[in-house]
Amino acid sequence: MPNLQHQTTKTMTSNIISEIKNKYKIMIYEGEGFKQAWYNGTLTDTPEQVKDKLELALKHYFTKDLFISTFESDETSPYQFTYIIVIPIHT
């Protein structure tokens, strides 16, 4: 049985990404690391944190395209995490 909280978080994150794309008329490219963390439910960031990171990048970088990927913990970390990183793409 799928985890309802995980499904809700996935839907909220997807809606936020679509909302940002439409609001700012930009492209957001999703890297493989982000897609896997999103699909598997291992993304540490909340949907609100995803939105904040995307809007912060748009505020500080004059770009129309963003790339989102992840930064993950390794075996030396005291706890596991997978945060998104936002990379502005200048075309």
N, C-alpha and C. Protein backbone atom coordinates (compact mmCIF):
# COMPACT_ATOMS: atom_id res chain seq x y z
N MET A 1 0.84 -1.18 0.00
CA MET A 1 0.00 0.00 0.00
C MET A 1 0.89 1.25 0.00
N PRO A 2 0.65 2.19 -0.92
CA PRO A 2 1.48 3.39 -0.99
C PRO A 2 1.31 4.25 0.26
N ASN A 3 2.40 4.92 0.62
CA ASN A 3 2.38 5.82 1.76
C ASN A 3 1.64 7.09 1.35
N LEU A 4 0.53 7.38 2.03
CA LEU A 4 -0.31 8.52 1.68
C LEU A 4 0.43 9.84 1.87
N GLN A 5 1.20 9.97 2.93
CA GLN A 5 1.96 11.20 3.16
C GLN A 5 2.97 11.42 2.04
N HIS A 6 3.65 10.35 1.61
CA HIS A 6 4.61 10.45 0.52
C HIS A 6 3.91 10.89 -0.77
N GLN A 7 2.76 10.33 -1.06
CA GLN A 7 2.01 10.69 -2.27
C GLN A 7 1.57 12.16 -2.21
N THR A 8 1.13 12.61 -1.03
CA THR A 8 0.70 14.00 -0.87
C THR A 8 1.88 14.94 -1.08
N THR A 9 3.03 14.62 -0.51
CA THR A 9 4.23 15.44 -0.67
C THR A 9 4.66 15.49 -2.13
N LYS A 10 4.62 14.35 -2.82
CA LYS A 10 4.97 14.32 -4.24
C LYS A 10 4.05 15.22 -5.04
N THR A 11 2.75 15.15 -4.77
CA THR A 11 1.78 15.96 -5.50
C THR A 11 2.00 17.44 -5.21
N MET A 12 2.21 17.78 -3.95
CA MET A 12 2.44 19.18 -3.59
C MET A 12 3.70 19.72 -4.25
N THR A 13 4.77 18.95 -4.24
CA THR A 13 6.02 19.39 -4.87
C THR A 13 5.82 19.57 -6.37
N SER A 14 5.15 18.64 -7.00
CA SER A 14 4.87 18.74 -8.43
C SER A 14 4.03 19.98 -8.74
N ASN A 15 3.03 20.24 -7.92
CA ASN A 15 2.18 21.42 -8.12
C ASN A 15 2.98 22.71 -7.95
N ILE A 16 3.88 22.73 -6.98
CA ILE A 16 4.70 23.93 -6.74
C ILE A 16 5.62 24.19 -7.94
N ILE A 17 6.22 23.15 -8.46
CA ILE A 17 7.11 23.32 -9.62
C ILE A 17 6.31 23.84 -10.81
N SER A 18 5.13 23.30 -11.04
CA SER A 18 4.28 23.78 -12.14
C SER A 18 3.85 25.22 -11.91
N GLU A 19 3.52 25.56 -10.67
CA GLU A 19 3.12 26.92 -10.33
C GLU A 19 4.24 27.92 -10.60
N ILE A 20 5.46 27.57 -10.21
CA ILE A 20 6.62 28.44 -10.43
C ILE A 20 6.88 28.60 -11.93
N LYS A 21 6.80 27.51 -12.67
CA LYS A 21 7.00 27.58 -14.13
C LYS A 21 6.01 28.56 -14.76
N ASN A 22 4.76 28.43 -14.40
CA ASN A 22 3.71 29.28 -14.98
C ASN A 22 3.80 30.72 -14.51
N LYS A 23 4.05 30.92 -13.24
CA LYS A 23 4.10 32.26 -12.67
C LYS A 23 5.24 33.09 -13.27
N TYR A 24 6.40 32.48 -13.40
CA TYR A 24 7.59 33.22 -13.86
C TYR A 24 7.93 32.97 -15.33
N LYS A 25 7.13 32.13 -15.98
CA LYS A 25 7.35 31.82 -17.41
C LYS A 25 8.77 31.32 -17.66
N ILE A 26 9.16 30.31 -16.89
CA ILE A 26 10.51 29.74 -16.99
C ILE A 26 10.43 28.24 -17.25
N MET A 27 11.57 27.68 -17.58
CA MET A 27 11.71 26.23 -17.68
C MET A 27 12.45 25.75 -16.44
N ILE A 28 12.02 24.66 -15.88
CA ILE A 28 12.71 24.03 -14.77
C ILE A 28 13.06 22.62 -15.20
N TYR A 29 14.34 22.36 -15.32
CA TYR A 29 14.81 21.05 -15.73
C TYR A 29 15.10 20.23 -14.48
N GLU A 30 14.54 19.04 -14.45
CA GLU A 30 14.69 18.17 -13.29
C GLU A 30 15.77 17.13 -13.55
N GLY A 31 16.84 17.19 -12.77
CA GLY A 31 17.92 16.23 -12.91
C GLY A 31 17.53 14.85 -12.41
N GLU A 32 18.29 13.86 -12.81
CA GLU A 32 17.99 12.48 -12.45
C GLU A 32 17.99 12.26 -10.94
N GLY A 33 18.92 12.90 -10.23
CA GLY A 33 18.97 12.76 -8.77
C GLY A 33 17.70 13.27 -8.11
N PHE A 34 17.19 14.42 -8.60
CA PHE A 34 15.95 14.96 -8.07
C PHE A 34 14.78 14.03 -8.38
N LYS A 35 14.71 13.57 -9.62
CA LYS A 35 13.60 12.68 -10.00
C LYS A 35 13.57 11.42 -9.14
N GLN A 36 14.74 10.84 -8.90
CA GLN A 36 14.79 9.62 -8.09
C GLN A 36 14.40 9.90 -6.64
N ALA A 37 14.91 10.98 -6.07
CA ALA A 37 14.57 11.31 -4.68
C ALA A 37 13.09 11.63 -4.55
N TRP A 38 12.55 12.35 -5.52
CA TRP A 38 11.12 12.70 -5.52
C TRP A 38 10.27 11.45 -5.63
N TYR A 39 10.61 10.58 -6.56
CA TYR A 39 9.84 9.36 -6.79
C TYR A 39 9.92 8.40 -5.60
N ASN A 40 11.12 8.25 -5.03
CA ASN A 40 11.32 7.29 -3.95
C ASN A 40 10.95 7.83 -2.57
N GLY A 41 10.65 9.12 -2.49
CA GLY A 41 10.26 9.70 -1.21
C GLY A 41 11.41 9.97 -0.27
N THR A 42 12.62 10.12 -0.81
CA THR A 42 13.79 10.36 0.05
C THR A 42 14.20 11.83 0.10
N LEU A 43 13.44 12.68 -0.55
CA LEU A 43 13.75 14.11 -0.55
C LEU A 43 13.50 14.68 0.84
N THR A 44 14.51 15.31 1.42
CA THR A 44 14.43 15.85 2.77
C THR A 44 13.66 17.17 2.80
N ASP A 45 13.79 17.96 1.75
CA ASP A 45 13.11 19.25 1.69
C ASP A 45 11.59 19.08 1.62
N THR A 46 10.88 19.97 2.31
CA THR A 46 9.43 20.00 2.22
C THR A 46 9.04 20.72 0.93
N PRO A 47 7.80 20.58 0.48
CA PRO A 47 7.37 21.33 -0.70
C PRO A 47 7.56 22.84 -0.53
N GLU A 48 7.34 23.36 0.66
CA GLU A 48 7.53 24.79 0.91
C GLU A 48 9.00 25.18 0.76
N GLN A 49 9.91 24.32 1.21
CA GLN A 49 11.34 24.61 1.07
C GLN A 49 11.75 24.57 -0.40
N VAL A 50 11.17 23.66 -1.16
CA VAL A 50 11.43 23.60 -2.61
C VAL A 50 11.02 24.92 -3.24
N LYS A 51 9.83 25.39 -2.90
CA LYS A 51 9.34 26.66 -3.45
C LYS A 51 10.26 27.82 -3.07
N ASP A 52 10.64 27.88 -1.79
CA ASP A 52 11.54 28.95 -1.33
C ASP A 52 12.87 28.94 -2.07
N LYS A 53 13.44 27.76 -2.28
CA LYS A 53 14.73 27.67 -2.98
C LYS A 53 14.60 28.12 -4.44
N LEU A 54 13.53 27.72 -5.10
CA LEU A 54 13.33 28.12 -6.49
C LEU A 54 13.14 29.64 -6.58
N GLU A 55 12.31 30.19 -5.73
CA GLU A 55 12.07 31.64 -5.78
C GLU A 55 13.30 32.44 -5.37
N LEU A 56 14.08 31.93 -4.44
CA LEU A 56 15.32 32.60 -4.06
C LEU A 56 16.29 32.66 -5.23
N ALA A 57 16.41 31.56 -5.96
CA ALA A 57 17.29 31.55 -7.14
C ALA A 57 16.81 32.54 -8.19
N LEU A 58 15.51 32.61 -8.39
CA LEU A 58 14.98 33.56 -9.38
C LEU A 58 15.18 35.01 -8.94
N LYS A 59 15.15 35.24 -7.65
CA LYS A 59 15.34 36.60 -7.14
C LYS A 59 16.78 37.08 -7.30
N HIS A 60 17.73 36.17 -7.16
CA HIS A 60 19.14 36.56 -7.16
C HIS A 60 19.86 36.35 -8.50
N TYR A 61 19.27 35.58 -9.38
CA TYR A 61 19.89 35.32 -10.68
C TYR A 61 18.89 35.69 -11.76
N PHE A 62 19.31 36.51 -12.67
CA PHE A 62 18.42 36.93 -13.74
C PHE A 62 18.49 35.90 -14.85
N THR A 63 17.65 34.90 -14.73
CA THR A 63 17.66 33.80 -15.68
C THR A 63 16.23 33.34 -15.93
N LYS A 64 16.03 32.68 -17.02
CA LYS A 64 14.71 32.14 -17.34
C LYS A 64 14.67 30.63 -17.25
N ASP A 65 15.77 30.03 -16.88
CA ASP A 65 15.80 28.58 -16.77
C ASP A 65 16.52 28.17 -15.49
N LEU A 66 16.01 27.12 -14.85
CA LEU A 66 16.63 26.58 -13.66
C LEU A 66 16.80 25.07 -13.82
N PHE A 67 17.80 24.56 -13.17
CA PHE A 67 18.04 23.11 -13.13
C PHE A 67 18.01 22.71 -11.67
N ILE A 68 17.25 21.66 -11.35
CA ILE A 68 17.23 21.20 -9.97
C ILE A 68 17.81 19.79 -9.89
N SER A 69 18.65 19.63 -8.91
CA SER A 69 19.30 18.35 -8.66
C SER A 69 19.30 18.14 -7.15
N THR A 70 20.17 17.26 -6.67
CA THR A 70 20.19 16.98 -5.24
C THR A 70 21.61 16.96 -4.70
N PHE A 71 21.69 17.17 -3.41
CA PHE A 71 22.92 16.99 -2.64
C PHE A 71 22.57 15.98 -1.57
N GLU A 72 23.29 14.86 -1.56
CA GLU A 72 22.95 13.76 -0.67
C GLU A 72 24.04 13.49 0.34
N SER A 73 23.61 12.95 1.47
CA SER A 73 24.56 12.54 2.50
C SER A 73 25.32 11.31 2.02
N ASP A 74 26.45 11.05 2.65
CA ASP A 74 27.19 9.83 2.35
C ASP A 74 27.36 9.03 3.63
N GLU A 75 28.15 8.00 3.57
CA GLU A 75 28.29 7.10 4.73
C GLU A 75 28.95 7.76 5.93
N THR A 76 29.61 8.90 5.75
CA THR A 76 30.25 9.58 6.88
C THR A 76 29.30 10.52 7.62
N SER A 77 28.13 10.75 7.07
CA SER A 77 27.16 11.66 7.70
C SER A 77 26.47 10.98 8.88
N PRO A 78 26.22 11.73 9.94
CA PRO A 78 25.53 11.14 11.10
C PRO A 78 24.06 10.82 10.81
N TYR A 79 23.47 11.44 9.80
CA TYR A 79 22.09 11.14 9.41
C TYR A 79 21.97 11.26 7.89
N GLN A 80 20.94 10.64 7.34
CA GLN A 80 20.72 10.64 5.90
C GLN A 80 19.89 11.86 5.49
N PHE A 81 20.28 12.49 4.39
CA PHE A 81 19.51 13.60 3.86
C PHE A 81 19.66 13.65 2.35
N THR A 82 18.68 14.26 1.71
CA THR A 82 18.72 14.55 0.28
C THR A 82 18.04 15.89 0.08
N TYR A 83 18.85 16.95 -0.09
CA TYR A 83 18.35 18.29 -0.29
C TYR A 83 18.39 18.64 -1.78
N ILE A 84 17.46 19.48 -2.20
CA ILE A 84 17.55 19.93 -3.59
C ILE A 84 18.54 21.09 -3.67
N ILE A 85 19.16 21.19 -4.81
CA ILE A 85 19.98 22.34 -5.14
C ILE A 85 19.41 22.93 -6.43
N VAL A 86 19.45 24.22 -6.52
CA VAL A 86 18.91 24.92 -7.68
C VAL A 86 20.07 25.61 -8.39
N ILE A 87 20.21 25.32 -9.66
CA ILE A 87 21.31 25.87 -10.45
C ILE A 87 20.71 26.74 -11.57
N PRO A 88 21.03 28.04 -11.58
CA PRO A 88 20.54 28.88 -12.67
C PRO A 88 21.26 28.53 -13.97
N ILE A 89 20.49 28.53 -15.03
CA ILE A 89 21.06 28.27 -16.36
C ILE A 89 20.99 29.57 -17.15
N HIS A 90 22.15 30.06 -17.54
CA HIS A 90 22.22 31.29 -18.33
C HIS A 90 22.34 30.92 -19.80
N THR A 91 21.35 31.33 -20.57
CA THR A 91 21.36 31.03 -22.01
C THR A 91 21.61 32.27 -22.83
